[in-house]
């Protein structure tokens, strides 16, 4: 499925649409990792 977003989080899967989304991608990774226990 295609979404017009810079970063998409689906459970444990995180994708980004390119280098321009690096900062947002990094924040999404941190958010997912800090939520898991």
PDB file of N, CA and C in Angstrom:
ATOM      1  N   UNK A   1       0.841  -1.171   0.000  1.00  0.00           N
ATOM      2  CA  UNK A   1       0.000   0.000   0.000  1.00  0.00           C
ATOM      3  C   UNK A   1       0.892   1.243   0.000  1.00  0.00           C
ATOM      4  N   UNK A   2       0.575   2.203  -0.808  1.00  0.00           N
ATOM      5  CA  UNK A   2       1.346   3.439  -0.921  1.00  0.00           C
ATOM      6  C   UNK A   2       0.676   4.543  -0.116  1.00  0.00           C
ATOM      7  N   UNK A   3       1.477   5.258   0.659  1.00  0.00           N
ATOM      8  CA  UNK A   3       0.969   6.412   1.405  1.00  0.00           C
ATOM      9  C   UNK A   3       1.839   7.617   1.087  1.00  0.00           C
ATOM     10  N   UNK A   4       1.231   8.770   0.962  1.00  0.00           N
ATOM     11  CA  UNK A   4       1.976   9.999   0.678  1.00  0.00           C
ATOM     12  C   UNK A   4       2.427  10.657   1.973  1.00  0.00           C
ATOM     13  N   UNK A   5       3.254   9.951   2.737  1.00  0.00           N
ATOM     14  CA  UNK A   5       3.792  10.465   3.990  1.00  0.00           C
ATOM     15  C   UNK A   5       5.303  10.289   3.959  1.00  0.00           C
ATOM     16  N   UNK A   6       6.006  11.138   4.688  1.00  0.00           N
ATOM     17  CA  UNK A   6       7.464  11.026   4.761  1.00  0.00           C
ATOM     18  C   UNK A   6       7.881   9.769   5.498  1.00  0.00           C
ATOM     19  N   UNK A   7       7.168   9.470   6.592  1.00  0.00           N
ATOM     20  CA  UNK A   7       7.476   8.306   7.415  1.00  0.00           C
ATOM     21  C   UNK A   7       6.178   7.583   7.742  1.00  0.00           C
ATOM     22  N   UNK A   8       6.218   6.260   7.629  1.00  0.00           N
ATOM     23  CA  UNK A   8       5.054   5.443   7.959  1.00  0.00           C
ATOM     24  C   UNK A   8       5.479   4.400   8.982  1.00  0.00           C
ATOM     25  N   UNK A   9       4.723   4.310  10.084  1.00  0.00           N
ATOM     26  CA  UNK A   9       4.978   3.313  11.119  1.00  0.00           C
ATOM     27  C   UNK A   9       3.800   2.353  11.127  1.00  0.00           C
ATOM     28  N   UNK A  10       4.101   1.064  10.961  1.00  0.00           N
ATOM     29  CA  UNK A  10       3.076   0.022  10.979  1.00  0.00           C
ATOM     30  C   UNK A  10       3.570  -1.087  11.895  1.00  0.00           C
ATOM     31  N   UNK A  11       3.215  -0.982  13.157  1.00  0.00           N
ATOM     32  CA  UNK A  11       3.713  -1.956  14.133  1.00  0.00           C
ATOM     33  C   UNK A  11       5.206  -1.776  14.321  1.00  0.00           C
ATOM     34  N   UNK A  12       5.968  -2.825  14.000  1.00  0.00           N
ATOM     35  CA  UNK A  12       7.425  -2.755  14.129  1.00  0.00           C
ATOM     36  C   UNK A  12       8.107  -2.365  12.819  1.00  0.00           C
ATOM     37  N   UNK A  13       7.335  -2.117  11.785  1.00  0.00           N
ATOM     38  CA  UNK A  13       7.879  -1.732  10.483  1.00  0.00           C
ATOM     39  C   UNK A  13       7.833  -0.210  10.362  1.00  0.00           C
ATOM     40  N   UNK A  14       8.995   0.379  10.062  1.00  0.00           N
ATOM     41  CA  UNK A  14       9.093   1.828   9.884  1.00  0.00           C
ATOM     42  C   UNK A  14       9.752   2.074   8.531  1.00  0.00           C
ATOM     43  N   UNK A  15       9.106   2.859   7.686  1.00  0.00           N
ATOM     44  CA  UNK A  15       9.677   3.175   6.383  1.00  0.00           C
ATOM     45  C   UNK A  15       9.685   4.684   6.175  1.00  0.00           C
ATOM     46  N   UNK A  16      10.598   5.127   5.322  1.00  0.00           N
ATOM     47  CA  UNK A  16      10.692   6.543   4.982  1.00  0.00           C
ATOM     48  C   UNK A  16      10.836   6.668   3.476  1.00  0.00           C
ATOM     49  N   UNK A  17      10.555   7.859   2.962  1.00  0.00           N
ATOM     50  CA  UNK A  17      10.565   8.030   1.512  1.00  0.00           C
ATOM     51  C   UNK A  17      11.863   8.609   0.958  1.00  0.00           C
ATOM     52  N   UNK A  18      12.906   8.698   1.748  1.00  0.00           N
ATOM     53  CA  UNK A  18      14.188   9.162   1.226  1.00  0.00           C
ATOM     54  C   UNK A  18      14.988   9.934   2.250  1.00  0.00           C
ATOM     55  N   UNK A  19      16.158  10.437   1.842  1.00  0.00           N
ATOM     56  CA  UNK A  19      17.052  11.142   2.758  1.00  0.00           C
ATOM     57  C   UNK A  19      16.434  12.384   3.394  1.00  0.00           C
ATOM     58  N   UNK A  20      15.499  13.003   2.736  1.00  0.00           N
ATOM     59  CA  UNK A  20      14.853  14.190   3.282  1.00  0.00           C
ATOM     60  C   UNK A  20      14.010  13.902   4.517  1.00  0.00           C
ATOM     61  N   UNK A  21      13.705  12.643   4.740  1.00  0.00           N
ATOM     62  CA  UNK A  21      12.883  12.247   5.885  1.00  0.00           C
ATOM     63  C   UNK A  21      13.732  11.668   7.012  1.00  0.00           C
ATOM     64  N   UNK A  22      15.045  11.825   6.945  1.00  0.00           N
ATOM     65  CA  UNK A  22      15.948  11.192   7.916  1.00  0.00           C
ATOM     66  C   UNK A  22      15.660  11.602   9.355  1.00  0.00           C
ATOM     67  N   UNK A  23      15.442  12.875   9.600  1.00  0.00           N
ATOM     68  CA  UNK A  23      15.198  13.330  10.975  1.00  0.00           C
ATOM     69  C   UNK A  23      13.886  12.754  11.511  1.00  0.00           C
ATOM     70  N   UNK A  24      12.843  12.832  10.724  1.00  0.00           N
ATOM     71  CA  UNK A  24      11.546  12.293  11.139  1.00  0.00           C
ATOM     72  C   UNK A  24      11.623  10.771  11.308  1.00  0.00           C
ATOM     73  N   UNK A  25      12.373  10.106  10.436  1.00  0.00           N
ATOM     74  CA  UNK A  25      12.576   8.662  10.511  1.00  0.00           C
ATOM     75  C   UNK A  25      13.272   8.294  11.818  1.00  0.00           C
ATOM     76  N   UNK A  26      14.306   9.035  12.175  1.00  0.00           N
ATOM     77  CA  UNK A  26      15.023   8.799  13.429  1.00  0.00           C
ATOM     78  C   UNK A  26      14.125   8.973  14.634  1.00  0.00           C
ATOM     79  N   UNK A  27      13.308   9.990  14.608  1.00  0.00           N
ATOM     80  CA  UNK A  27      12.369  10.218  15.723  1.00  0.00           C
ATOM     81  C   UNK A  27      11.360   9.081  15.835  1.00  0.00           C
ATOM     82  N   UNK A  28      10.902   8.574  14.702  1.00  0.00           N
ATOM     83  CA  UNK A  28       9.949   7.459  14.714  1.00  0.00           C
ATOM     84  C   UNK A  28      10.594   6.210  15.304  1.00  0.00           C
ATOM     85  N   UNK A  29      11.861   5.970  14.967  1.00  0.00           N
ATOM     86  CA  UNK A  29      12.578   4.817  15.517  1.00  0.00           C
ATOM     87  C   UNK A  29      12.689   4.939  17.029  1.00  0.00           C
ATOM     88  N   UNK A  30      13.089   6.104  17.508  1.00  0.00           N
ATOM     89  CA  UNK A  30      13.219   6.321  18.955  1.00  0.00           C
ATOM     90  C   UNK A  30      11.873   6.128  19.641  1.00  0.00           C
ATOM     91  N   UNK A  31      10.816   6.645  19.049  1.00  0.00           N
ATOM     92  CA  UNK A  31       9.485   6.513  19.643  1.00  0.00           C
ATOM     93  C   UNK A  31       9.075   5.044  19.761  1.00  0.00           C
ATOM     94  N   UNK A  32       9.288   4.273  18.706  1.00  0.00           N
ATOM     95  CA  UNK A  32       8.924   2.852  18.731  1.00  0.00           C
ATOM     96  C   UNK A  32       9.772   2.096  19.749  1.00  0.00           C
ATOM     97  N   UNK A  33      11.065   2.369  19.788  1.00  0.00           N
ATOM     98  CA  UNK A  33      11.945   1.655  20.714  1.00  0.00           C
ATOM     99  C   UNK A  33      11.671   1.999  22.169  1.00  0.00           C
ATOM    100  N   UNK A  34      11.269   3.221  22.447  1.00  0.00           N
ATOM    101  CA  UNK A  34      11.006   3.597  23.835  1.00  0.00           C
ATOM    102  C   UNK A  34       9.629   3.129  24.305  1.00  0.00           C
ATOM    103  N   UNK A  35       8.722   2.821  23.382  1.00  0.00           N
ATOM    104  CA  UNK A  35       7.406   2.300  23.754  1.00  0.00           C
ATOM    105  C   UNK A  35       7.459   0.817  24.100  1.00  0.00           C
ATOM    106  N   UNK A  36       8.365   0.060  23.454  1.00  0.00           N
ATOM    107  CA  UNK A  36       8.434  -1.389  23.661  1.00  0.00           C
ATOM    108  C   UNK A  36       9.004  -1.725  25.024  1.00  0.00           C
ATOM    109  N   UNK A  37       8.390  -2.688  25.666  1.00  0.00           N
ATOM    110  CA  UNK A  37       8.899  -3.158  26.964  1.00  0.00           C
ATOM    111  C   UNK A  37       8.778  -4.647  27.034  1.00  0.00           C
TER     112      UNK A  37
END
